[in-house]
Amino acid sequence: MGTNVFGVLGAFGLVLVSALAISWSIVLVSMIVASPEKVQIFGFIVLFPLTFTSNAFVPTASMPGWLQAWSNVNPVTILSDAIRGLLVSGPVAAPALQSLLWALGFTVISLRCRFARSNAAPYNAAPDNGRARQHSNEHTAARRSQFPRKGPDPSTIRSLSLVRRPARPATR
């Protein structure tokens, strides 16, 4: 067979759909954790093993038996098989359908959890709204005093700008 325009467009669409589906799970994690660094760590911890235990880099036959079993159901393996089938040659229908099902599963679970989380009461909600806001302001003030702003002292900056320069000789 060979690569044709429809195969390239299909591969591009499949990668786009899969990337969007996985990004919804990252959005879900970002709603749950407190900092962007934790989201990045989660992405590394989850996506690194998914990618490197797939057959995208190494043939499945060269893997140990237990890893072959995981690699055969790994969504990245299925996606790479579908892309190989679309761009080079090989089976296309089953891997492409399985990739779309994985993408649909990621999306449905992530969106379902996201909407369940957004409908829940906030973790810091208090019965009286004024007290919650006051507590938040007190907490912020305490954190600012505990961890002062980093950087040069404003008085140092002012003193640096007032450095005397040598006087120019008077012109006649």
N, C-alpha and C. Protein backbone atom coordinates (compact mmCIF):
# COMPACT_ATOMS: atom_id res chain seq x y z
N MET A 1 0.85 -1.16 0.00
CA MET A 1 0.00 0.00 0.00
C MET A 1 0.90 1.23 0.00
N GLY A 2 0.79 2.11 0.89
CA GLY A 2 1.62 3.31 0.95
C GLY A 2 0.85 4.43 1.62
N THR A 3 1.53 5.52 1.77
CA THR A 3 0.92 6.67 2.43
C THR A 3 0.15 7.48 1.40
N ASN A 4 -1.08 7.83 1.75
CA ASN A 4 -1.88 8.71 0.89
C ASN A 4 -2.42 9.86 1.74
N VAL A 5 -3.10 10.78 1.10
CA VAL A 5 -3.59 11.97 1.79
C VAL A 5 -4.59 11.59 2.87
N PHE A 6 -5.46 10.64 2.59
CA PHE A 6 -6.46 10.25 3.58
C PHE A 6 -5.83 9.57 4.80
N GLY A 7 -4.78 8.80 4.57
CA GLY A 7 -4.06 8.19 5.68
C GLY A 7 -3.41 9.23 6.58
N VAL A 8 -2.80 10.24 5.97
CA VAL A 8 -2.15 11.31 6.74
C VAL A 8 -3.19 12.09 7.53
N LEU A 9 -4.30 12.44 6.87
CA LEU A 9 -5.36 13.17 7.57
C LEU A 9 -5.98 12.33 8.68
N GLY A 10 -6.16 11.04 8.44
CA GLY A 10 -6.70 10.16 9.48
C GLY A 10 -5.75 10.04 10.67
N ALA A 11 -4.45 9.90 10.39
CA ALA A 11 -3.47 9.82 11.48
C ALA A 11 -3.43 11.12 12.28
N PHE A 12 -3.46 12.24 11.57
CA PHE A 12 -3.47 13.53 12.25
C PHE A 12 -4.71 13.67 13.12
N GLY A 13 -5.86 13.31 12.59
CA GLY A 13 -7.10 13.40 13.36
C GLY A 13 -7.09 12.48 14.57
N LEU A 14 -6.56 11.28 14.40
CA LEU A 14 -6.50 10.32 15.51
C LEU A 14 -5.58 10.82 16.62
N VAL A 15 -4.44 11.36 16.25
CA VAL A 15 -3.52 11.93 17.25
C VAL A 15 -4.17 13.12 17.94
N LEU A 16 -4.85 13.95 17.19
CA LEU A 16 -5.50 15.13 17.76
C LEU A 16 -6.60 14.73 18.75
N VAL A 17 -7.43 13.77 18.38
CA VAL A 17 -8.50 13.31 19.27
C VAL A 17 -7.92 12.69 20.54
N SER A 18 -6.88 11.88 20.38
CA SER A 18 -6.27 11.24 21.55
C SER A 18 -5.60 12.25 22.47
N ALA A 19 -4.91 13.23 21.89
CA ALA A 19 -4.26 14.26 22.70
C ALA A 19 -5.29 15.10 23.45
N LEU A 20 -6.38 15.43 22.81
CA LEU A 20 -7.42 16.20 23.49
C LEU A 20 -8.05 15.39 24.62
N ALA A 21 -8.24 14.10 24.39
CA ALA A 21 -8.84 13.26 25.43
C ALA A 21 -7.93 13.16 26.64
N ILE A 22 -6.64 12.98 26.41
CA ILE A 22 -5.70 12.89 27.53
C ILE A 22 -5.58 14.24 28.22
N SER A 23 -5.68 15.32 27.46
CA SER A 23 -5.58 16.64 28.09
C SER A 23 -6.75 16.90 29.04
N TRP A 24 -7.91 16.29 28.80
CA TRP A 24 -9.02 16.45 29.75
C TRP A 24 -8.68 15.82 31.09
N SER A 25 -7.94 14.72 31.08
CA SER A 25 -7.56 14.12 32.37
C SER A 25 -6.56 15.01 33.09
N ILE A 26 -5.69 15.70 32.35
CA ILE A 26 -4.76 16.64 32.97
C ILE A 26 -5.53 17.84 33.53
N VAL A 27 -6.58 18.28 32.83
CA VAL A 27 -7.42 19.36 33.35
C VAL A 27 -8.08 18.93 34.66
N LEU A 28 -8.55 17.70 34.71
CA LEU A 28 -9.16 17.19 35.93
C LEU A 28 -8.16 17.22 37.08
N VAL A 29 -6.95 16.77 36.83
CA VAL A 29 -5.93 16.77 37.88
C VAL A 29 -5.62 18.19 38.30
N SER A 30 -5.58 19.12 37.36
CA SER A 30 -5.26 20.50 37.72
C SER A 30 -6.36 21.13 38.58
N MET A 31 -7.58 20.63 38.48
CA MET A 31 -8.65 21.13 39.34
C MET A 31 -8.55 20.57 40.75
N ILE A 32 -7.93 19.43 40.90
CA ILE A 32 -7.87 18.76 42.19
C ILE A 32 -6.66 19.20 43.01
N VAL A 33 -5.50 19.30 42.38
CA VAL A 33 -4.28 19.62 43.11
C VAL A 33 -4.13 21.13 43.27
N ALA A 34 -3.21 21.51 44.14
CA ALA A 34 -3.10 22.92 44.52
C ALA A 34 -2.11 23.72 43.69
N SER A 35 -1.17 23.08 43.02
CA SER A 35 -0.15 23.86 42.34
C SER A 35 0.15 23.30 40.95
N PRO A 36 0.63 24.14 40.06
CA PRO A 36 0.98 23.69 38.71
C PRO A 36 2.11 22.67 38.70
N GLU A 37 2.99 22.74 39.69
CA GLU A 37 4.09 21.79 39.74
C GLU A 37 3.57 20.37 39.96
N LYS A 38 2.53 20.24 40.78
CA LYS A 38 1.97 18.92 41.02
C LYS A 38 1.29 18.37 39.78
N VAL A 39 0.69 19.23 38.98
CA VAL A 39 0.08 18.80 37.72
C VAL A 39 1.17 18.29 36.79
N GLN A 40 2.27 19.00 36.73
CA GLN A 40 3.37 18.60 35.88
C GLN A 40 3.96 17.27 36.33
N ILE A 41 4.10 17.09 37.64
CA ILE A 41 4.62 15.82 38.16
C ILE A 41 3.67 14.69 37.83
N PHE A 42 2.37 14.93 37.98
CA PHE A 42 1.38 13.90 37.64
C PHE A 42 1.50 13.52 36.17
N GLY A 43 1.59 14.52 35.31
CA GLY A 43 1.72 14.24 33.88
C GLY A 43 2.94 13.40 33.58
N PHE A 44 4.04 13.71 34.24
CA PHE A 44 5.27 12.94 34.02
C PHE A 44 5.11 11.51 34.54
N ILE A 45 4.55 11.37 35.74
CA ILE A 45 4.43 10.05 36.36
C ILE A 45 3.49 9.15 35.57
N VAL A 46 2.45 9.72 34.97
CA VAL A 46 1.49 8.90 34.23
C VAL A 46 1.91 8.71 32.78
N LEU A 47 2.29 9.78 32.09
CA LEU A 47 2.57 9.67 30.67
C LEU A 47 3.91 9.01 30.36
N PHE A 48 4.88 9.15 31.23
CA PHE A 48 6.18 8.51 31.00
C PHE A 48 6.06 6.99 30.91
N PRO A 49 5.45 6.32 31.90
CA PRO A 49 5.32 4.87 31.77
C PRO A 49 4.41 4.45 30.62
N LEU A 50 3.34 5.21 30.37
CA LEU A 50 2.47 4.86 29.25
C LEU A 50 3.23 4.87 27.93
N THR A 51 4.05 5.88 27.75
CA THR A 51 4.78 6.01 26.50
C THR A 51 5.88 4.96 26.36
N PHE A 52 6.66 4.77 27.41
CA PHE A 52 7.82 3.89 27.28
C PHE A 52 7.51 2.41 27.51
N THR A 53 6.31 2.08 27.92
CA THR A 53 5.93 0.66 27.98
C THR A 53 5.07 0.29 26.78
N SER A 54 5.00 1.16 25.81
CA SER A 54 4.25 0.85 24.58
C SER A 54 5.21 0.31 23.53
N ASN A 55 4.64 -0.04 22.40
CA ASN A 55 5.49 -0.52 21.31
C ASN A 55 5.88 0.61 20.36
N ALA A 56 5.79 1.84 20.81
CA ALA A 56 6.16 2.97 19.97
C ALA A 56 7.66 3.01 19.71
N PHE A 57 8.47 2.53 20.66
CA PHE A 57 9.92 2.57 20.51
C PHE A 57 10.55 1.19 20.37
N VAL A 58 9.94 0.18 20.98
CA VAL A 58 10.51 -1.17 21.02
C VAL A 58 9.44 -2.16 20.60
N PRO A 59 9.78 -3.15 19.77
CA PRO A 59 8.78 -4.16 19.42
C PRO A 59 8.29 -4.92 20.66
N THR A 60 7.02 -5.24 20.69
CA THR A 60 6.44 -5.93 21.84
C THR A 60 7.07 -7.30 22.05
N ALA A 61 7.47 -7.96 20.97
CA ALA A 61 8.03 -9.31 21.08
C ALA A 61 9.33 -9.34 21.88
N SER A 62 10.06 -8.22 21.94
CA SER A 62 11.32 -8.20 22.68
C SER A 62 11.13 -7.89 24.17
N MET A 63 9.89 -7.68 24.60
CA MET A 63 9.62 -7.35 26.00
C MET A 63 9.39 -8.62 26.81
N PRO A 64 9.60 -8.55 28.15
CA PRO A 64 9.25 -9.70 28.99
C PRO A 64 7.75 -9.97 28.92
N GLY A 65 7.34 -11.17 29.30
CA GLY A 65 5.94 -11.58 29.18
C GLY A 65 4.97 -10.68 29.91
N TRP A 66 5.28 -10.30 31.16
CA TRP A 66 4.37 -9.45 31.92
C TRP A 66 4.23 -8.08 31.29
N LEU A 67 5.32 -7.56 30.68
CA LEU A 67 5.27 -6.27 30.04
C LEU A 67 4.55 -6.35 28.69
N GLN A 68 4.65 -7.50 28.02
CA GLN A 68 3.91 -7.70 26.78
C GLN A 68 2.40 -7.63 27.03
N ALA A 69 1.98 -8.23 28.13
CA ALA A 69 0.55 -8.22 28.46
C ALA A 69 0.06 -6.78 28.65
N TRP A 70 0.85 -5.96 29.36
CA TRP A 70 0.46 -4.56 29.56
C TRP A 70 0.56 -3.79 28.25
N SER A 71 1.62 -4.02 27.50
CA SER A 71 1.83 -3.28 26.26
C SER A 71 0.72 -3.53 25.24
N ASN A 72 0.15 -4.71 25.25
CA ASN A 72 -0.91 -5.03 24.29
C ASN A 72 -2.20 -4.25 24.56
N VAL A 73 -2.44 -3.82 25.79
CA VAL A 73 -3.65 -3.06 26.11
C VAL A 73 -3.34 -1.58 26.38
N ASN A 74 -2.09 -1.20 26.28
CA ASN A 74 -1.66 0.18 26.51
C ASN A 74 -2.27 1.09 25.44
N PRO A 75 -2.91 2.19 25.81
CA PRO A 75 -3.51 3.06 24.80
C PRO A 75 -2.50 3.67 23.83
N VAL A 76 -1.27 3.89 24.28
CA VAL A 76 -0.25 4.43 23.37
C VAL A 76 0.15 3.38 22.34
N THR A 77 0.21 2.11 22.74
CA THR A 77 0.50 1.03 21.79
C THR A 77 -0.59 0.96 20.74
N ILE A 78 -1.83 1.00 21.17
CA ILE A 78 -2.94 0.91 20.23
C ILE A 78 -2.94 2.11 19.28
N LEU A 79 -2.66 3.30 19.81
CA LEU A 79 -2.59 4.49 18.98
C LEU A 79 -1.44 4.39 17.97
N SER A 80 -0.28 3.93 18.42
CA SER A 80 0.85 3.82 17.49
C SER A 80 0.59 2.75 16.43
N ASP A 81 -0.09 1.66 16.78
CA ASP A 81 -0.46 0.65 15.78
C ASP A 81 -1.41 1.24 14.74
N ALA A 82 -2.37 2.05 15.18
CA ALA A 82 -3.32 2.66 14.25
C ALA A 82 -2.60 3.65 13.33
N ILE A 83 -1.67 4.42 13.89
CA ILE A 83 -0.94 5.39 13.06
C ILE A 83 -0.04 4.67 12.08
N ARG A 84 0.62 3.60 12.51
CA ARG A 84 1.44 2.81 11.58
C ARG A 84 0.57 2.25 10.46
N GLY A 85 -0.61 1.75 10.83
CA GLY A 85 -1.50 1.21 9.81
C GLY A 85 -1.95 2.28 8.82
N LEU A 86 -2.20 3.49 9.30
CA LEU A 86 -2.65 4.57 8.42
C LEU A 86 -1.52 5.11 7.55
N LEU A 87 -0.31 5.20 8.08
CA LEU A 87 0.78 5.83 7.36
C LEU A 87 1.63 4.87 6.56
N VAL A 88 1.82 3.67 7.04
CA VAL A 88 2.71 2.73 6.34
C VAL A 88 1.86 1.63 5.71
N SER A 89 1.49 0.70 6.51
CA SER A 89 0.57 -0.37 6.09
C SER A 89 0.29 -1.24 7.29
N GLY A 90 -0.73 -2.01 7.19
CA GLY A 90 -1.09 -2.89 8.28
C GLY A 90 -2.53 -2.69 8.66
N PRO A 91 -2.94 -3.39 9.72
CA PRO A 91 -4.35 -3.27 10.13
C PRO A 91 -4.65 -1.85 10.62
N VAL A 92 -5.80 -1.34 10.22
CA VAL A 92 -6.18 0.02 10.58
C VAL A 92 -7.47 0.04 11.40
N ALA A 93 -8.46 -0.72 11.00
CA ALA A 93 -9.80 -0.60 11.57
C ALA A 93 -9.81 -0.89 13.07
N ALA A 94 -9.28 -2.04 13.48
CA ALA A 94 -9.33 -2.42 14.90
C ALA A 94 -8.52 -1.45 15.77
N PRO A 95 -7.25 -1.16 15.44
CA PRO A 95 -6.51 -0.21 16.29
C PRO A 95 -7.12 1.19 16.31
N ALA A 96 -7.62 1.66 15.17
CA ALA A 96 -8.22 2.99 15.14
C ALA A 96 -9.48 3.04 15.99
N LEU A 97 -10.30 2.02 15.89
CA LEU A 97 -11.52 1.97 16.71
C LEU A 97 -11.17 1.87 18.20
N GLN A 98 -10.19 1.05 18.54
CA GLN A 98 -9.78 0.93 19.94
C GLN A 98 -9.20 2.25 20.45
N SER A 99 -8.45 2.96 19.62
CA SER A 99 -7.90 4.27 20.02
C SER A 99 -9.02 5.26 20.27
N LEU A 100 -10.02 5.26 19.41
CA LEU A 100 -11.15 6.16 19.60
C LEU A 100 -11.93 5.80 20.87
N LEU A 101 -12.03 4.50 21.17
CA LEU A 101 -12.71 4.08 22.40
C LEU A 101 -11.92 4.51 23.63
N TRP A 102 -10.59 4.39 23.59
CA TRP A 102 -9.75 4.87 24.69
C TRP A 102 -9.93 6.37 24.87
N ALA A 103 -9.93 7.10 23.76
CA ALA A 103 -10.11 8.56 23.83
C ALA A 103 -11.47 8.91 24.40
N LEU A 104 -12.50 8.20 23.97
CA LEU A 104 -13.83 8.44 24.49
C LEU A 104 -13.88 8.13 25.99
N GLY A 105 -13.24 7.03 26.40
CA GLY A 105 -13.20 6.68 27.82
C GLY A 105 -12.50 7.74 28.66
N PHE A 106 -11.33 8.21 28.19
CA PHE A 106 -10.62 9.29 28.90
C PHE A 106 -11.49 10.52 29.02
N THR A 107 -12.14 10.89 27.93
CA THR A 107 -12.95 12.10 27.93
C THR A 107 -14.15 11.99 28.84
N VAL A 108 -14.88 10.88 28.75
CA VAL A 108 -16.09 10.71 29.55
C VAL A 108 -15.75 10.69 31.04
N ILE A 109 -14.76 9.93 31.41
CA ILE A 109 -14.38 9.83 32.82
C ILE A 109 -13.89 11.17 33.34
N SER A 110 -13.04 11.84 32.57
CA SER A 110 -12.51 13.13 33.02
C SER A 110 -13.59 14.19 33.13
N LEU A 111 -14.46 14.27 32.13
CA LEU A 111 -15.52 15.27 32.19
C LEU A 111 -16.54 14.95 33.27
N ARG A 112 -16.82 13.68 33.44
CA ARG A 112 -17.76 13.28 34.50
C ARG A 112 -17.20 13.66 35.87
N CYS A 113 -15.95 13.37 36.10
CA CYS A 113 -15.33 13.73 37.38
C CYS A 113 -15.21 15.24 37.52
N ARG A 114 -14.95 15.93 36.42
CA ARG A 114 -14.82 17.38 36.48
C ARG A 114 -16.14 18.03 36.87
N PHE A 115 -17.25 17.59 36.26
CA PHE A 115 -18.54 18.18 36.59
C PHE A 115 -19.01 17.76 37.97
N ALA A 116 -18.68 16.57 38.39
CA ALA A 116 -19.01 16.16 39.76
C ALA A 116 -18.24 17.01 40.75
N ARG A 117 -17.01 17.32 40.44
CA ARG A 117 -16.18 18.15 41.33
C ARG A 117 -16.68 19.59 41.34
N SER A 118 -17.10 20.11 40.18
CA SER A 118 -17.53 21.51 40.14
C SER A 118 -18.89 21.70 40.81
N ASN A 119 -19.72 20.65 40.90
CA ASN A 119 -21.01 20.76 41.56
C ASN A 119 -20.90 20.57 43.07
N ALA A 120 -19.77 20.06 43.53
CA ALA A 120 -19.59 19.84 44.96
C ALA A 120 -19.31 21.16 45.66
N ALA A 121 -19.57 21.20 46.95
CA ALA A 121 -19.29 22.40 47.73
C ALA A 121 -17.78 22.60 47.83
N PRO A 122 -17.31 23.82 47.79
CA PRO A 122 -15.87 24.05 47.92
C PRO A 122 -15.36 23.53 49.26
N TYR A 123 -14.12 23.10 49.28
CA TYR A 123 -13.57 22.50 50.49
C TYR A 123 -13.45 23.50 51.63
N ASN A 124 -13.39 24.79 51.31
CA ASN A 124 -13.23 25.78 52.38
C ASN A 124 -14.53 26.54 52.65
N ALA A 125 -15.66 26.00 52.15
CA ALA A 125 -16.93 26.70 52.35
C ALA A 125 -17.34 26.59 53.82
N ALA A 126 -17.75 27.70 54.38
CA ALA A 126 -18.19 27.74 55.77
C ALA A 126 -19.67 28.12 55.78
N PRO A 127 -20.39 27.77 56.84
CA PRO A 127 -21.81 28.13 56.88
C PRO A 127 -22.04 29.63 56.76
N ASP A 128 -21.17 30.43 57.39
CA ASP A 128 -21.33 31.88 57.26
C ASP A 128 -20.25 32.40 56.33
N ASN A 129 -20.66 33.02 55.26
CA ASN A 129 -19.72 33.44 54.21
C ASN A 129 -18.71 34.46 54.70
N GLY A 130 -19.12 35.35 55.59
CA GLY A 130 -18.21 36.38 56.07
C GLY A 130 -17.02 35.79 56.81
N ARG A 131 -17.27 34.78 57.62
CA ARG A 131 -16.19 34.16 58.39
C ARG A 131 -15.19 33.46 57.47
N ALA A 132 -15.67 32.81 56.43
CA ALA A 132 -14.76 32.13 55.50
C ALA A 132 -13.86 33.16 54.82
N ARG A 133 -14.41 34.29 54.39
CA ARG A 133 -13.62 35.32 53.74
C ARG A 133 -12.62 35.92 54.73
N GLN A 134 -13.05 36.15 55.97
CA GLN A 134 -12.17 36.72 56.98
C GLN A 134 -11.02 35.76 57.26
N HIS A 135 -11.34 34.48 57.39
CA HIS A 135 -10.31 33.48 57.63
C HIS A 135 -9.31 33.46 56.48
N SER A 136 -9.81 33.56 55.26
CA SER A 136 -8.94 33.55 54.10
C SER A 136 -8.01 34.76 54.12
N ASN A 137 -8.53 35.93 54.47
CA ASN A 137 -7.69 37.13 54.53
C ASN A 137 -6.66 37.02 55.64
N GLU A 138 -7.05 36.46 56.80
CA GLU A 138 -6.10 36.28 57.89
C GLU A 138 -5.01 35.30 57.47
N HIS A 139 -5.41 34.25 56.79
CA HIS A 139 -4.44 33.26 56.35
C HIS A 139 -3.45 33.88 55.37
N THR A 140 -3.95 34.68 54.43
CA THR A 140 -3.07 35.33 53.46
C THR A 140 -2.10 36.27 54.16
N ALA A 141 -2.57 37.05 55.12
CA ALA A 141 -1.70 37.98 55.84
C ALA A 141 -0.64 37.21 56.63
N ALA A 142 -1.04 36.10 57.24
CA ALA A 142 -0.08 35.29 57.99
C ALA A 142 0.98 34.71 57.07
N ARG A 143 0.57 34.25 55.89
CA ARG A 143 1.54 33.69 54.95
C ARG A 143 2.51 34.75 54.46
N ARG A 144 2.00 35.96 54.23
CA ARG A 144 2.88 37.03 53.76
C ARG A 144 3.91 37.40 54.81
N SER A 145 3.51 37.40 56.07
CA SER A 145 4.48 37.74 57.11
C SER A 145 5.45 36.59 57.34
N GLN A 146 4.98 35.37 57.12
CA GLN A 146 5.85 34.21 57.33
C GLN A 146 6.87 34.08 56.19
N PHE A 147 6.42 34.36 54.98
CA PHE A 147 7.30 34.27 53.82
C PHE A 147 7.34 35.63 53.14
N PRO A 148 8.27 36.47 53.55
CA PRO A 148 8.31 37.82 52.97
C PRO A 148 8.65 37.77 51.48
N ARG A 149 8.29 38.82 50.81
CA ARG A 149 8.52 38.91 49.39
C ARG A 149 10.00 38.86 49.09
N LYS A 150 10.37 38.09 48.08
CA LYS A 150 11.78 37.98 47.73
C LYS A 150 12.16 39.11 46.80
N GLY A 151 13.41 39.41 46.78
CA GLY A 151 13.91 40.46 45.91
C GLY A 151 14.60 41.53 46.73
N PRO A 152 15.20 42.47 46.05
CA PRO A 152 15.93 43.52 46.78
C PRO A 152 14.98 44.42 47.55
N ASP A 153 15.49 44.94 48.62
CA ASP A 153 14.72 45.87 49.44
C ASP A 153 14.48 47.15 48.65
N PRO A 154 13.26 47.72 48.69
CA PRO A 154 13.01 48.95 47.93
C PRO A 154 13.95 50.09 48.28
N SER A 155 14.38 50.18 49.55
CA SER A 155 15.30 51.25 49.91
C SER A 155 16.65 51.06 49.23
N THR A 156 17.06 49.80 49.02
CA THR A 156 18.31 49.53 48.31
C THR A 156 18.21 49.99 46.88
N ILE A 157 17.06 49.74 46.26
CA ILE A 157 16.88 50.17 44.88
C ILE A 157 16.95 51.69 44.78
N ARG A 158 16.31 52.38 45.74
CA ARG A 158 16.35 53.84 45.72
C ARG A 158 17.77 54.35 45.91
N SER A 159 18.53 53.70 46.82
CA SER A 159 19.88 54.18 47.06
C SER A 159 20.77 53.93 45.85
N LEU A 160 20.50 52.86 45.10
CA LEU A 160 21.30 52.60 43.91
C LEU A 160 21.05 53.64 42.82
N SER A 161 19.82 54.12 42.76
CA SER A 161 19.51 55.11 41.74
C SER A 161 20.05 56.49 42.11
N LEU A 162 20.43 56.68 43.36
CA LEU A 162 20.95 57.97 43.80
C LEU A 162 22.48 58.00 43.84
N VAL A 163 23.11 57.05 43.19
CA VAL A 163 24.56 57.01 43.18
C VAL A 163 25.07 58.26 42.47
N ARG A 164 26.03 58.91 43.10
CA ARG A 164 26.56 60.14 42.52
C ARG A 164 27.49 59.80 41.36
N ARG A 165 27.31 60.55 40.32
CA ARG A 165 28.18 60.40 39.17
C ARG A 165 29.19 61.55 39.20
N PRO A 166 30.34 61.33 38.63
CA PRO A 166 31.31 62.44 38.62
C PRO A 166 30.75 63.63 37.85
N ALA A 167 31.04 64.80 38.38
CA ALA A 167 30.52 66.02 37.77
C ALA A 167 31.20 66.27 36.45
N ARG A 168 30.46 66.78 35.50
CA ARG A 168 31.04 67.12 34.20
C ARG A 168 31.76 68.47 34.32
N PRO A 169 32.78 68.58 33.58
CA PRO A 169 33.44 69.89 33.61
C PRO A 169 32.55 70.94 32.96
N ALA A 170 32.61 72.10 33.52
CA ALA A 170 31.77 73.19 33.00
C ALA A 170 32.25 73.62 31.62
N THR A 171 31.33 73.89 30.76
CA THR A 171 31.70 74.36 29.41
C THR A 171 31.58 75.88 29.36
N ARG A 172 32.46 76.53 28.68
CA ARG A 172 32.44 77.99 28.59
C ARG A 172 31.92 78.45 27.29
